[in-house]
Amino acid sequence: MKRLAIAGAILASALVVPAWAGAAELSKTTIRAADGTEVPVEVATPAGKGPFPPVLFIHAKRGYEGDERAHVRELAEQGFLVVAPDWQSGRFIERWPSAHNPETEMDVEAGLDYLKSLPNACRQPVGIVGLSRGPYYAIRLAAKRSADIAAIVSYYGHMQNPNAPEPDQLFRIAPELTQITTPILYLIGEQDYELRRMNGGRAFYALWERGVPVEYQVYPMARRAFDFRPDQTPEEKIATRHARERAKDWLIKWMKLTPQMRCQ
């Protein structure tokens, strides 16, 4: 009987999973930006009991669609409470806008405020995960509200104002990168656009020179938008899994989370 009890205890301990493990719950709502614009928002909540570490997800200029929703869900299944403001549809902006609309920064900031107000969000600085155009919003926010942001994960992000003239695109980085102290993880494919790799590389050196925690991860054989391409190669699928784990580890470290994905 004693052996059976011990075996039962071992089995029970093996079946114990963190409170956040399991399917995430997705919901939709609408918030208002500072100028009164209605901003559609999706919220991904981990399974289990909160509070949960808060993450702001900032989508790319291609829009907020199924691939973005899958990414947000995956973050929630890792244990993060995620808010994803749609900075395009509320202002009737078509997909793939070339120019940056500064008014949309209010939509993203409204998402940050909403995230921090949620009762099941930990009361602490948030993490940001941004794709392509998204990290430009992130560094702008970090320059404006550094105390509210613990870390940034940039997937092949803009490190320059998309509206800046060509010489600035080629030879300079956004001025915010000379001001912020927020830790940044930069993820990019080896075969991404040359200009994006150049801007990202310059951003890395500028941040590192000032002592800002920064890492620059290049994925061999990976193309533009390697993590959601419909024609992903086997190498890009592995790169995606690696990137998701690196992003999680970065957020855990700089958001100062416990191994159980709990806030301190």
C-alpha atoms as a PDB file:
ATOM      1  CA  MET A   1       0.000   0.000   0.000  1.00  0.00           C
ATOM      2  CA  LYS A   2       2.848   2.355   0.837  1.00  0.00           C
ATOM      3  CA  ARG A   3       4.384   1.778  -2.615  1.00  0.00           C
ATOM      4  CA  LEU A   4       1.028   2.431  -4.255  1.00  0.00           C
ATOM      5  CA  ALA A   5       0.660   5.681  -2.320  1.00  0.00           C
ATOM      6  CA  ILE A   6       4.130   6.836  -3.375  1.00  0.00           C
ATOM      7  CA  ALA A   7       3.443   5.883  -6.995  1.00  0.00           C
ATOM      8  CA  GLY A   8       0.141   7.755  -6.851  1.00  0.00           C
ATOM      9  CA  ALA A   9       1.856  10.839  -5.488  1.00  0.00           C
ATOM     10  CA  ILE A  10       4.485  10.733  -8.240  1.00  0.00           C
ATOM     11  CA  LEU A  11       1.796  10.366 -10.906  1.00  0.00           C
ATOM     12  CA  ALA A  12      -0.217  13.236  -9.437  1.00  0.00           C
ATOM     13  CA  SER A  13       2.831  15.506  -9.391  1.00  0.00           C
ATOM     14  CA  ALA A  14       3.603  14.629 -13.000  1.00  0.00           C
ATOM     15  CA  LEU A  15       0.102  15.670 -14.011  1.00  0.00           C
ATOM     16  CA  VAL A  16       0.302  19.049 -12.322  1.00  0.00           C
ATOM     17  CA  VAL A  17       0.458  21.870 -14.901  1.00  0.00           C
ATOM     18  CA  PRO A  18       0.854  25.604 -14.378  1.00  0.00           C
ATOM     19  CA  ALA A  19      -2.363  27.545 -13.834  1.00  0.00           C
ATOM     20  CA  TRP A  20      -1.902  29.331 -17.190  1.00  0.00           C
ATOM     21  CA  ALA A  21      -1.517  26.183 -19.296  1.00  0.00           C
ATOM     22  CA  GLY A  22      -4.240  25.280 -21.771  1.00  0.00           C
ATOM     23  CA  ALA A  23      -6.405  26.947 -24.342  1.00  0.00           C
ATOM     24  CA  ALA A  24      -6.635  30.720 -24.331  1.00  0.00           C
ATOM     25  CA  GLU A  25      -9.895  32.646 -24.446  1.00  0.00           C
ATOM     26  CA  LEU A  26     -10.250  35.308 -27.151  1.00  0.00           C
ATOM     27  CA  SER A  27     -12.670  38.190 -26.900  1.00  0.00           C
ATOM     28  CA  LYS A  28     -13.338  41.419 -28.783  1.00  0.00           C
ATOM     29  CA  THR A  29     -14.177  44.897 -27.623  1.00  0.00           C
ATOM     30  CA  THR A  30     -13.885  48.513 -28.699  1.00  0.00           C
ATOM     31  CA  ILE A  31     -11.991  51.258 -26.911  1.00  0.00           C
ATOM     32  CA  ARG A  32     -11.539  54.944 -27.663  1.00  0.00           C
ATOM     33  CA  ALA A  33      -8.336  56.708 -28.608  1.00  0.00           C
ATOM     34  CA  ALA A  34      -7.497  60.134 -27.227  1.00  0.00           C
ATOM     35  CA  ASP A  35      -9.176  61.838 -30.203  1.00  0.00           C
ATOM     36  CA  GLY A  36     -12.370  59.811 -29.792  1.00  0.00           C
ATOM     37  CA  THR A  37     -11.695  57.307 -32.571  1.00  0.00           C
ATOM     38  CA  GLU A  38     -13.131  53.854 -31.919  1.00  0.00           C
ATOM     39  CA  VAL A  39     -10.391  51.222 -31.857  1.00  0.00           C
ATOM     40  CA  PRO A  40     -11.257  47.520 -32.292  1.00  0.00           C
ATOM     41  CA  VAL A  41      -9.332  45.392 -29.808  1.00  0.00           C
ATOM     42  CA  GLU A  42      -8.847  41.686 -29.291  1.00  0.00           C
ATOM     43  CA  VAL A  43      -7.962  40.293 -25.883  1.00  0.00           C
ATOM     44  CA  ALA A  44      -6.386  36.875 -25.362  1.00  0.00           C
ATOM     45  CA  THR A  45      -6.658  35.565 -21.817  1.00  0.00           C
ATOM     46  CA  PRO A  46      -4.728  32.541 -20.548  1.00  0.00           C
ATOM     47  CA  ALA A  47      -6.549  29.622 -18.971  1.00  0.00           C
ATOM     48  CA  GLY A  48      -6.517  29.506 -15.202  1.00  0.00           C
ATOM     49  CA  LYS A  49      -6.578  32.173 -12.551  1.00  0.00           C
ATOM     50  CA  GLY A  50      -4.859  35.558 -12.889  1.00  0.00           C
ATOM     51  CA  PRO A  51      -3.428  38.014 -12.532  1.00  0.00           C
ATOM     52  CA  PHE A  52      -1.374  37.465 -15.677  1.00  0.00           C
ATOM     53  CA  PRO A  53       1.708  39.241 -17.077  1.00  0.00           C
ATOM     54  CA  PRO A  54       0.490  41.863 -19.587  1.00  0.00           C
ATOM     55  CA  VAL A  55       1.646  42.050 -23.214  1.00  0.00           C
ATOM     56  CA  LEU A  56       0.674  44.571 -25.881  1.00  0.00           C
ATOM     57  CA  PHE A  57       0.649  43.119 -29.406  1.00  0.00           C
ATOM     58  CA  ILE A  58       1.154  45.598 -32.274  1.00  0.00           C
ATOM     59  CA  HIS A  59       0.368  44.260 -35.721  1.00  0.00           C
ATOM     60  CA  ALA A  60       2.061  45.040 -39.032  1.00  0.00           C
ATOM     61  CA  LYS A  61       0.705  47.222 -41.833  1.00  0.00           C
ATOM     62  CA  ARG A  62      -0.767  44.153 -43.551  1.00  0.00           C
ATOM     63  CA  GLY A  63      -3.567  44.363 -40.967  1.00  0.00           C
ATOM     64  CA  TYR A  64      -4.882  42.232 -38.132  1.00  0.00           C
ATOM     65  CA  GLU A  65      -5.991  38.873 -39.491  1.00  0.00           C
ATOM     66  CA  GLY A  66      -5.845  35.161 -38.838  1.00  0.00           C
ATOM     67  CA  ASP A  67      -2.061  34.891 -38.602  1.00  0.00           C
ATOM     68  CA  GLU A  68      -1.920  37.717 -36.078  1.00  0.00           C
ATOM     69  CA  ARG A  69      -4.760  36.163 -34.103  1.00  0.00           C
ATOM     70  CA  ALA A  70      -2.896  32.861 -34.008  1.00  0.00           C
ATOM     71  CA  HIS A  71       0.219  34.630 -32.707  1.00  0.00           C
ATOM     72  CA  VAL A  72      -1.794  36.407 -30.017  1.00  0.00           C
ATOM     73  CA  ARG A  73      -3.411  33.134 -28.988  1.00  0.00           C
ATOM     74  CA  GLU A  74       0.000  31.477 -28.763  1.00  0.00           C
ATOM     75  CA  LEU A  75       1.275  34.227 -26.473  1.00  0.00           C
ATOM     76  CA  ALA A  76      -1.754  33.733 -24.233  1.00  0.00           C
ATOM     77  CA  GLU A  77      -1.196  29.979 -24.175  1.00  0.00           C
ATOM     78  CA  GLN A  78       2.335  30.723 -22.970  1.00  0.00           C
ATOM     79  CA  GLY A  79       0.769  32.591 -20.044  1.00  0.00           C
ATOM     80  CA  PHE A  80       0.560  36.232 -21.148  1.00  0.00           C
ATOM     81  CA  LEU A  81      -2.551  38.394 -21.052  1.00  0.00           C
ATOM     82  CA  VAL A  82      -2.519  39.997 -24.499  1.00  0.00           C
ATOM     83  CA  VAL A  83      -4.258  43.074 -25.859  1.00  0.00           C
ATOM     84  CA  ALA A  84      -4.066  43.646 -29.624  1.00  0.00           C
ATOM     85  CA  PRO A  85      -5.433  46.999 -30.858  1.00  0.00           C
ATOM     86  CA  ASP A  86      -6.279  47.188 -34.542  1.00  0.00           C
ATOM     87  CA  TRP A  87      -4.750  50.523 -35.511  1.00  0.00           C
ATOM     88  CA  GLN A  88      -6.020  50.330 -39.090  1.00  0.00           C
ATOM     89  CA  SER A  89      -9.670  49.358 -39.356  1.00  0.00           C
ATOM     90  CA  GLY A  90     -10.971  51.900 -36.834  1.00  0.00           C
ATOM     91  CA  ARG A  91      -9.630  54.683 -39.051  1.00  0.00           C
ATOM     92  CA  PHE A  92     -10.632  52.962 -42.307  1.00  0.00           C
ATOM     93  CA  ILE A  93      -7.017  52.595 -43.396  1.00  0.00           C
ATOM     94  CA  GLU A  94      -6.525  50.137 -46.228  1.00  0.00           C
ATOM     95  CA  ARG A  95      -4.088  47.256 -45.846  1.00  0.00           C
ATOM     96  CA  TRP A  96      -0.424  47.843 -46.657  1.00  0.00           C
ATOM     97  CA  PRO A  97      -0.271  51.640 -46.195  1.00  0.00           C
ATOM     98  CA  SER A  98       3.102  53.008 -47.272  1.00  0.00           C
ATOM     99  CA  ALA A  99       2.960  56.135 -45.135  1.00  0.00           C
ATOM    100  CA  HIS A 100       2.823  56.162 -41.367  1.00  0.00           C
ATOM    101  CA  ASN A 101      -0.248  57.880 -39.917  1.00  0.00           C
ATOM    102  CA  PRO A 102       0.816  59.494 -36.608  1.00  0.00           C
ATOM    103  CA  GLU A 103      -2.820  59.538 -35.444  1.00  0.00           C
ATOM    104  CA  THR A 104      -2.754  55.736 -35.241  1.00  0.00           C
ATOM    105  CA  GLU A 105      -0.209  56.024 -32.442  1.00  0.00           C
ATOM    106  CA  MET A 106      -3.117  57.153 -30.272  1.00  0.00           C
ATOM    107  CA  ASP A 107      -4.882  53.870 -31.036  1.00  0.00           C
ATOM    108  CA  VAL A 108      -1.879  51.827 -29.921  1.00  0.00           C
ATOM    109  CA  GLU A 109      -1.434  53.934 -26.783  1.00  0.00           C
ATOM    110  CA  ALA A 110      -5.124  53.462 -25.984  1.00  0.00           C
ATOM    111  CA  GLY A 111      -4.467  49.723 -26.201  1.00  0.00           C
ATOM    112  CA  LEU A 112      -1.651  50.095 -23.683  1.00  0.00           C
ATOM    113  CA  ASP A 113      -3.902  52.017 -21.289  1.00  0.00           C
ATOM    114  CA  TYR A 114      -6.667  49.451 -21.680  1.00  0.00           C
ATOM    115  CA  LEU A 115      -4.255  46.588 -21.020  1.00  0.00           C
ATOM    116  CA  LYS A 116      -3.003  48.222 -17.836  1.00  0.00           C
ATOM    117  CA  SER A 117      -6.578  48.783 -16.649  1.00  0.00           C
ATOM    118  CA  LEU A 118      -7.662  45.142 -16.915  1.00  0.00           C
ATOM    119  CA  PRO A 119      -8.365  43.669 -13.457  1.00  0.00           C
ATOM    120  CA  ASN A 120      -6.612  40.395 -14.336  1.00  0.00           C
ATOM    121  CA  ALA A 121      -3.408  42.125 -15.503  1.00  0.00           C
ATOM    122  CA  CYS A 122      -0.423  42.272 -13.172  1.00  0.00           C
ATOM    123  CA  ARG A 123       0.265  45.785 -11.941  1.00  0.00           C
ATOM    124  CA  GLN A 124       3.653  46.168 -13.559  1.00  0.00           C
ATOM    125  CA  PRO A 125       5.334  47.445 -16.743  1.00  0.00           C
ATOM    126  CA  VAL A 126       4.124  45.569 -19.801  1.00  0.00           C
ATOM    127  CA  GLY A 127       5.914  43.694 -22.545  1.00  0.00           C
ATOM    128  CA  ILE A 128       5.414  44.562 -26.205  1.00  0.00           C
ATOM    129  CA  VAL A 129       5.510  42.202 -29.181  1.00  0.00           C
ATOM    130  CA  GLY A 130       5.468  43.998 -32.526  1.00  0.00           C
ATOM    131  CA  LEU A 131       5.656  42.912 -36.156  1.00  0.00           C
ATOM    132  CA  SER A 132       7.245  44.984 -38.953  1.00  0.00           C
ATOM    133  CA  ARG A 133       5.605  48.427 -38.570  1.00  0.00           C
ATOM    134  CA  GLY A 134       4.598  47.465 -35.022  1.00  0.00           C
ATOM    135  CA  PRO A 135       8.042  47.921 -33.414  1.00  0.00           C
ATOM    136  CA  TYR A 136       8.160  51.519 -34.657  1.00  0.00           C
ATOM    137  CA  TYR A 137       5.078  52.178 -32.544  1.00  0.00           C
ATOM    138  CA  ALA A 138       6.818  50.343 -29.703  1.00  0.00           C
ATOM    139  CA  ILE A 139       9.941  52.493 -29.682  1.00  0.00           C
ATOM    140  CA  ARG A 140       7.795  55.621 -29.925  1.00  0.00           C
ATOM    141  CA  LEU A 141       5.832  54.461 -26.898  1.00  0.00           C
ATOM    142  CA  ALA A 142       9.005  53.561 -25.020  1.00  0.00           C
ATOM    143  CA  ALA A 143      10.379  57.056 -25.584  1.00  0.00           C
ATOM    144  CA  LYS A 144       7.155  58.582 -24.311  1.00  0.00           C
ATOM    145  CA  ARG A 145       6.252  56.172 -21.492  1.00  0.00           C
ATOM    146  CA  SER A 146       9.368  54.291 -20.473  1.00  0.00           C
ATOM    147  CA  ALA A 147       8.074  53.524 -16.967  1.00  0.00           C
ATOM    148  CA  ASP A 148       5.139  51.563 -18.432  1.00  0.00           C
ATOM    149  CA  ILE A 149       7.163  49.289 -20.726  1.00  0.00           C
ATOM    150  CA  ALA A 150       9.458  46.521 -19.494  1.00  0.00           C
ATOM    151  CA  ALA A 151      10.660  45.003 -22.779  1.00  0.00           C
ATOM    152  CA  ILE A 152      10.136  44.950 -26.532  1.00  0.00           C
ATOM    153  CA  VAL A 153      10.258  42.001 -28.928  1.00  0.00           C
ATOM    154  CA  SER A 154      10.665  43.194 -32.516  1.00  0.00           C
ATOM    155  CA  TYR A 155       9.933  40.890 -35.418  1.00  0.00           C
ATOM    156  CA  TYR A 156      11.820  42.435 -38.397  1.00  0.00           C
ATOM    157  CA  GLY A 157      10.754  45.860 -37.177  1.00  0.00           C
ATOM    158  CA  HIS A 158      11.018  49.362 -38.611  1.00  0.00           C
ATOM    159  CA  MET A 159      13.808  51.168 -36.771  1.00  0.00           C
ATOM    160  CA  GLN A 160      13.169  54.375 -38.675  1.00  0.00           C
ATOM    161  CA  ASN A 161      10.119  56.546 -39.267  1.00  0.00           C
ATOM    162  CA  PRO A 162       8.491  55.210 -42.456  1.00  0.00           C
ATOM    163  CA  ASN A 163       7.836  58.836 -43.475  1.00  0.00           C
ATOM    164  CA  ALA A 164      11.492  59.873 -43.158  1.00  0.00           C
ATOM    165  CA  PRO A 165      13.273  60.915 -46.385  1.00  0.00           C
ATOM    166  CA  GLU A 166      15.398  58.415 -48.289  1.00  0.00           C
ATOM    167  CA  PRO A 167      18.784  59.495 -46.826  1.00  0.00           C
ATOM    168  CA  ASP A 168      17.424  58.905 -43.320  1.00  0.00           C
ATOM    169  CA  GLN A 169      16.082  55.505 -44.349  1.00  0.00           C
ATOM    170  CA  LEU A 170      19.486  54.513 -45.703  1.00  0.00           C
ATOM    171  CA  PHE A 171      21.883  56.001 -43.192  1.00  0.00           C
ATOM    172  CA  ARG A 172      20.077  56.815 -39.947  1.00  0.00           C
ATOM    173  CA  ILE A 173      17.862  55.291 -37.295  1.00  0.00           C
ATOM    174  CA  ALA A 174      14.861  56.774 -35.537  1.00  0.00           C
ATOM    175  CA  PRO A 175      15.912  59.381 -32.936  1.00  0.00           C
ATOM    176  CA  GLU A 176      13.926  57.511 -30.279  1.00  0.00           C
ATOM    177  CA  LEU A 177      16.601  54.820 -30.353  1.00  0.00           C
ATOM    178  CA  THR A 178      19.103  57.311 -28.964  1.00  0.00           C
ATOM    179  CA  GLN A 179      16.800  58.011 -26.014  1.00  0.00           C
ATOM    180  CA  ILE A 180      15.123  54.820 -24.853  1.00  0.00           C
ATOM    181  CA  THR A 181      16.468  52.377 -22.286  1.00  0.00           C
ATOM    182  CA  THR A 182      13.916  49.605 -22.868  1.00  0.00           C
ATOM    183  CA  PRO A 183      15.457  46.163 -23.553  1.00  0.00           C
ATOM    184  CA  ILE A 184      14.881  45.104 -27.163  1.00  0.00           C
ATOM    185  CA  LEU A 185      15.102  41.698 -28.812  1.00  0.00           C
ATOM    186  CA  TYR A 186      15.318  42.026 -32.610  1.00  0.00           C
ATOM    187  CA  LEU A 187      14.364  38.972 -34.705  1.00  0.00           C
ATOM    188  CA  ILE A 188      14.884  38.879 -38.471  1.00  0.00           C
ATOM    189  CA  GLY A 189      15.437  36.470 -41.344  1.00  0.00           C
ATOM    190  CA  GLU A 190      18.776  36.383 -43.130  1.00  0.00           C
ATOM    191  CA  GLN A 191      17.002  37.016 -46.440  1.00  0.00           C
ATOM    192  CA  ASP A 192      14.755  39.872 -45.300  1.00  0.00           C
ATOM    193  CA  TYR A 193      14.898  43.247 -47.058  1.00  0.00           C
ATOM    194  CA  GLU A 194      18.409  44.667 -47.049  1.00  0.00           C
ATOM    195  CA  LEU A 195      17.206  48.050 -45.817  1.00  0.00           C
ATOM    196  CA  ARG A 196      15.377  46.428 -42.892  1.00  0.00           C
ATOM    197  CA  ARG A 197      18.486  44.478 -41.955  1.00  0.00           C
ATOM    198  CA  MET A 198      20.581  47.648 -42.168  1.00  0.00           C
ATOM    199  CA  ASN A 199      18.227  49.657 -39.959  1.00  0.00           C
ATOM    200  CA  GLY A 200      17.980  46.819 -37.470  1.00  0.00           C
ATOM    201  CA  GLY A 201      21.738  46.432 -37.362  1.00  0.00           C
ATOM    202  CA  ARG A 202      22.313  50.140 -36.811  1.00  0.00           C
ATOM    203  CA  ALA A 203      19.712  50.112 -34.053  1.00  0.00           C
ATOM    204  CA  PHE A 204      21.536  47.219 -32.380  1.00  0.00           C
ATOM    205  CA  TYR A 205      24.851  49.076 -32.317  1.00  0.00           C
ATOM    206  CA  ALA A 206      23.274  52.345 -31.178  1.00  0.00           C
ATOM    207  CA  LEU A 207      21.500  50.650 -28.267  1.00  0.00           C
ATOM    208  CA  TRP A 208      24.464  48.486 -27.274  1.00  0.00           C
ATOM    209  CA  GLU A 209      26.828  51.459 -27.282  1.00  0.00           C
ATOM    210  CA  ARG A 210      24.631  53.162 -24.701  1.00  0.00           C
ATOM    211  CA  GLY A 211      24.393  50.071 -22.520  1.00  0.00           C
ATOM    212  CA  VAL A 212      20.770  49.281 -23.362  1.00  0.00           C
ATOM    213  CA  PRO A 213      20.055  45.520 -23.186  1.00  0.00           C
ATOM    214  CA  VAL A 214      19.681  44.420 -26.808  1.00  0.00           C
ATOM    215  CA  GLU A 215      20.042  41.216 -28.813  1.00  0.00           C
ATOM    216  CA  TYR A 216      19.930  40.769 -32.578  1.00  0.00           C
ATOM    217  CA  GLN A 217      18.882  37.314 -33.776  1.00  0.00           C
ATOM    218  CA  VAL A 218      19.333  36.447 -37.458  1.00  0.00           C
ATOM    219  CA  TYR A 219      17.727  33.274 -38.806  1.00  0.00           C
ATOM    220  CA  PRO A 220      19.748  31.576 -41.580  1.00  0.00           C
ATOM    221  CA  MET A 221      17.823  30.749 -44.767  1.00  0.00           C
ATOM    222  CA  ALA A 222      14.758  32.634 -43.492  1.00  0.00           C
ATOM    223  CA  ARG A 223      12.968  35.101 -45.728  1.00  0.00           C
ATOM    224  CA  ARG A 224      10.815  38.151 -45.163  1.00  0.00           C
ATOM    225  CA  ALA A 225       8.029  37.502 -42.608  1.00  0.00           C
ATOM    226  CA  PHE A 226       9.423  34.020 -42.017  1.00  0.00           C
ATOM    227  CA  ASP A 227       7.053  33.297 -39.143  1.00  0.00           C
ATOM    228  CA  PHE A 228       3.731  33.407 -41.005  1.00  0.00           C
ATOM    229  CA  ARG A 229       4.514  32.832 -44.685  1.00  0.00           C
ATOM    230  CA  PRO A 230       2.027  30.428 -46.318  1.00  0.00           C
ATOM    231  CA  ASP A 231       4.946  28.830 -48.170  1.00  0.00           C
ATOM    232  CA  GLN A 232       7.186  28.344 -45.141  1.00  0.00           C
ATOM    233  CA  THR A 233      10.232  26.181 -45.704  1.00  0.00           C
ATOM    234  CA  PRO A 234      11.182  23.552 -43.112  1.00  0.00           C
ATOM    235  CA  GLU A 235      13.924  25.902 -41.908  1.00  0.00           C
ATOM    236  CA  GLU A 236      11.469  28.792 -41.518  1.00  0.00           C
ATOM    237  CA  LYS A 237       9.129  26.615 -39.474  1.00  0.00           C
ATOM    238  CA  ILE A 238      11.992  25.842 -37.101  1.00  0.00           C
ATOM    239  CA  ALA A 239      12.976  29.518 -37.036  1.00  0.00           C
ATOM    240  CA  THR A 240       9.414  30.388 -36.040  1.00  0.00           C
ATOM    241  CA  ARG A 241       9.453  27.974 -33.109  1.00  0.00           C
ATOM    242  CA  HIS A 242      12.839  29.283 -32.027  1.00  0.00           C
ATOM    243  CA  ALA A 243      11.665  32.902 -32.307  1.00  0.00           C
ATOM    244  CA  ARG A 244       8.576  32.249 -30.207  1.00  0.00           C
ATOM    245  CA  GLU A 245      10.690  30.686 -27.448  1.00  0.00           C
ATOM    246  CA  ARG A 246      13.280  33.480 -27.600  1.00  0.00           C
ATOM    247  CA  ALA A 247      10.513  36.065 -27.361  1.00  0.00           C
ATOM    248  CA  LYS A 248       8.993  34.314 -24.373  1.00  0.00           C
ATOM    249  CA  ASP A 249      12.341  34.070 -22.582  1.00  0.00           C
ATOM    250  CA  TRP A 250      13.070  37.755 -23.282  1.00  0.00           C
ATOM    251  CA  LEU A 251       9.755  38.840 -21.814  1.00  0.00           C
ATOM    252  CA  ILE A 252      10.146  36.571 -18.784  1.00  0.00           C
ATOM    253  CA  LYS A 253      13.586  37.998 -18.081  1.00  0.00           C
ATOM    254  CA  TRP A 254      12.827  41.697 -18.391  1.00  0.00           C
ATOM    255  CA  MET A 255       9.294  41.550 -17.001  1.00  0.00           C
ATOM    256  CA  LYS A 256      10.870  39.736 -14.035  1.00  0.00           C
ATOM    257  CA  LEU A 257       8.436  36.821 -14.109  1.00  0.00           C
ATOM    258  CA  THR A 258       8.752  33.624 -12.099  1.00  0.00           C
ATOM    259  CA  PRO A 259       9.411  30.256 -13.810  1.00  0.00           C
ATOM    260  CA  GLN A 260       5.672  29.616 -13.348  1.00  0.00           C
ATOM    261  CA  MET A 261       4.898  32.716 -15.482  1.00  0.00           C
ATOM    262  CA  ARG A 262       3.753  34.722 -12.497  1.00  0.00           C
ATOM    263  CA  CYS A 263       4.519  38.338 -11.717  1.00  0.00           C
ATOM    264  CA  GLN A 264       6.814  39.074  -8.807  1.00  0.00           C
END
